[in-house]
Amino acid sequence: MKNIFQIVFAVFMLFQLAACSSGGAGNGGAKGSSSDAGLLGPQDFQNKLNELNDEILIDLRTHAELHQIGPLAGASNLDFNAGRFERVLPQLNKQQPIMLYCASGGRSGEAAKMLKEQGFTKVYDLDGGVQAWKSAGLPVRAHSH
């Protein structure tokens, strides 16, 4: 299943637009309502990544945001604002751990809520997004094209 996701991700990356808008999903109430979705602080998120071995790690940021702060190692980028996450969602295994993050937690909170509503059982959301991750001194990769 991970190989299928990686192939789908590669296809999406080929079509990813350079034009970005960091608007769209804000930090509205979705983050607070996803507390049952495994909202984890940066260190707990890192510990969960170390603990799991079959997770899918999804970066929901735009292409421009990836240039500001690189992705976490092993993350697949599915721009939430461009609808890429929603297109891949039906192909994901509901029993496989899904780990989500964005810039500050708004979009990942919305995505976590969507997953839970679809019956996904192992959803983990990085509280504060990649900004909190980097502020905690945890590593990111340099973005490459």
Protein backbone atom coordinates (compact mmCIF):
# COMPACT_ATOMS: atom_id res chain seq x y z
CA MET A 1 0.00 0.00 0.00
CA LYS A 2 2.87 2.38 0.79
CA ASN A 3 4.28 1.82 -2.72
CA ILE A 4 0.93 2.68 -4.30
CA PHE A 5 0.76 5.86 -2.25
CA GLN A 6 4.31 6.78 -3.29
CA ILE A 7 3.41 6.31 -6.97
CA VAL A 8 0.28 8.43 -6.58
CA PHE A 9 2.33 11.03 -4.74
CA ALA A 10 4.93 11.11 -7.53
CA VAL A 11 2.21 11.70 -10.13
CA PHE A 12 0.75 14.53 -8.06
CA MET A 13 4.19 16.10 -7.63
CA LEU A 14 4.63 16.19 -11.41
CA PHE A 15 1.47 18.27 -11.71
CA GLN A 16 1.95 20.46 -8.65
CA LEU A 17 1.67 24.12 -9.49
CA ALA A 18 4.28 26.63 -8.46
CA ALA A 19 1.54 29.21 -7.84
CA CYS A 20 0.65 29.14 -4.18
CA SER A 21 -1.80 30.75 -1.87
CA SER A 22 -1.44 30.23 1.81
CA GLY A 23 -5.06 31.33 2.20
CA GLY A 24 -7.97 28.93 2.16
CA ALA A 25 -8.11 26.86 5.27
CA GLY A 26 -7.42 28.91 8.32
CA ASN A 27 -6.99 28.03 11.93
CA GLY A 28 -10.77 28.03 12.47
CA GLY A 29 -12.54 25.68 14.85
CA ALA A 30 -11.46 22.53 12.99
CA LYS A 31 -8.23 22.22 14.96
CA GLY A 32 -10.03 22.25 18.28
CA SER A 33 -12.64 19.77 17.08
CA SER A 34 -9.97 17.30 15.99
CA SER A 35 -8.70 16.63 19.52
CA ASP A 36 -9.84 13.02 19.12
CA ALA A 37 -7.60 12.79 16.07
CA GLY A 38 -4.36 12.52 18.04
CA LEU A 39 -3.23 16.12 18.26
CA LEU A 40 0.45 15.84 19.23
CA GLY A 41 3.08 18.43 20.12
CA PRO A 42 6.34 18.35 18.15
CA GLN A 43 8.28 16.00 20.45
CA ASP A 44 5.33 13.60 20.82
CA PHE A 45 4.84 13.68 17.03
CA GLN A 46 8.55 12.82 16.59
CA ASN A 47 8.22 9.99 19.13
CA LYS A 48 5.18 8.62 17.28
CA LEU A 49 7.11 8.75 13.98
CA ASN A 50 9.92 6.78 15.63
CA GLU A 51 7.46 4.28 17.11
CA LEU A 52 5.52 3.54 13.92
CA ASN A 53 6.90 1.77 10.88
CA ASP A 54 3.96 1.76 8.45
CA GLU A 55 2.72 5.33 8.72
CA ILE A 56 1.94 7.70 5.89
CA LEU A 57 3.37 11.15 6.65
CA ILE A 58 1.59 13.90 4.74
CA ASP A 59 2.75 17.52 4.39
CA LEU A 60 -0.31 19.61 3.45
CA ARG A 61 1.57 22.82 2.62
CA THR A 62 1.85 24.66 -0.67
CA HIS A 63 4.92 24.60 -2.90
CA ALA A 64 5.91 28.10 -1.74
CA GLU A 65 5.66 27.06 1.91
CA LEU A 66 7.98 24.12 1.23
CA HIS A 67 10.61 26.62 0.09
CA GLN A 68 10.30 28.57 3.36
CA ILE A 69 10.73 25.52 5.62
CA GLY A 70 11.59 22.17 4.08
CA PRO A 71 9.56 19.00 4.67
CA LEU A 72 10.00 16.42 7.39
CA ALA A 73 12.00 13.38 6.28
CA GLY A 74 9.76 10.84 4.55
CA ALA A 75 6.82 13.20 4.03
CA SER A 76 4.67 13.23 0.92
CA ASN A 77 3.42 16.66 -0.11
CA LEU A 78 -0.30 16.89 -0.89
CA ASP A 79 -1.21 20.59 -1.15
CA PHE A 80 -4.45 20.84 0.84
CA ASN A 81 -5.40 24.18 -0.74
CA ALA A 82 -5.16 22.68 -4.25
CA GLY A 83 -7.41 19.71 -3.36
CA ARG A 84 -4.66 17.10 -3.72
CA PHE A 85 -5.32 15.63 -0.26
CA GLU A 86 -9.01 15.12 -1.01
CA ARG A 87 -8.20 13.35 -4.30
CA VAL A 88 -5.85 10.86 -2.59
CA LEU A 89 -8.06 10.28 0.47
CA PRO A 90 -10.16 7.44 -1.10
CA GLN A 91 -6.98 5.48 -1.86
CA LEU A 92 -5.70 5.47 1.72
CA ASN A 93 -6.02 2.46 4.04
CA LYS A 94 -8.30 3.36 6.96
CA GLN A 95 -6.31 1.10 9.32
CA GLN A 96 -2.89 2.55 8.43
CA PRO A 97 -1.54 5.36 10.64
CA ILE A 98 -1.82 8.76 8.93
CA MET A 99 0.37 11.57 10.25
CA LEU A 100 -0.45 15.10 9.11
CA TYR A 101 1.11 18.53 9.31
CA CYS A 102 0.94 21.90 7.62
CA ALA A 103 2.47 25.30 8.38
CA SER A 104 0.72 26.06 11.68
CA GLY A 105 -1.96 23.41 12.24
CA GLY A 106 -5.10 24.79 10.58
CA ARG A 107 -5.17 22.69 7.42
CA SER A 108 -3.90 19.57 9.17
CA GLY A 109 -6.67 19.99 11.74
CA GLU A 110 -9.23 20.13 8.95
CA ALA A 111 -7.66 17.13 7.21
CA ALA A 112 -7.60 15.14 10.47
CA LYS A 113 -11.28 15.89 10.98
CA MET A 114 -12.05 14.73 7.42
CA LEU A 115 -10.16 11.48 7.98
CA LYS A 116 -11.95 10.76 11.25
CA GLU A 117 -15.31 11.44 9.59
CA GLN A 118 -14.35 8.93 6.86
CA GLY A 119 -13.63 6.22 9.45
CA PHE A 120 -9.84 6.41 9.70
CA THR A 121 -8.76 5.05 13.07
CA LYS A 122 -5.11 6.18 13.48
CA VAL A 123 -4.82 9.88 12.71
CA TYR A 124 -2.09 12.07 14.20
CA ASP A 125 -1.93 15.84 13.72
CA LEU A 126 1.17 17.96 14.49
CA ASP A 127 0.00 20.71 16.86
CA GLY A 128 1.40 24.03 15.65
CA GLY A 129 2.54 22.55 12.35
CA VAL A 130 6.04 22.64 10.93
CA GLN A 131 6.59 26.05 12.52
CA ALA A 132 6.28 24.51 15.99
CA TRP A 133 8.42 21.56 14.83
CA LYS A 134 11.23 23.84 13.72
CA SER A 135 10.90 26.03 16.84
CA ALA A 136 11.39 22.86 18.90
CA GLY A 137 14.73 22.35 17.11
CA LEU A 138 13.63 19.23 15.25
CA PRO A 139 15.09 18.52 11.79
CA VAL A 140 13.64 19.35 8.39
CA ARG A 141 15.04 18.52 4.98
CA ALA A 142 16.11 21.12 2.47
CA HIS A 143 13.44 21.42 -0.21
CA SER A 144 14.40 20.04 -3.60
CA HIS A 145 12.52 20.25 -6.86
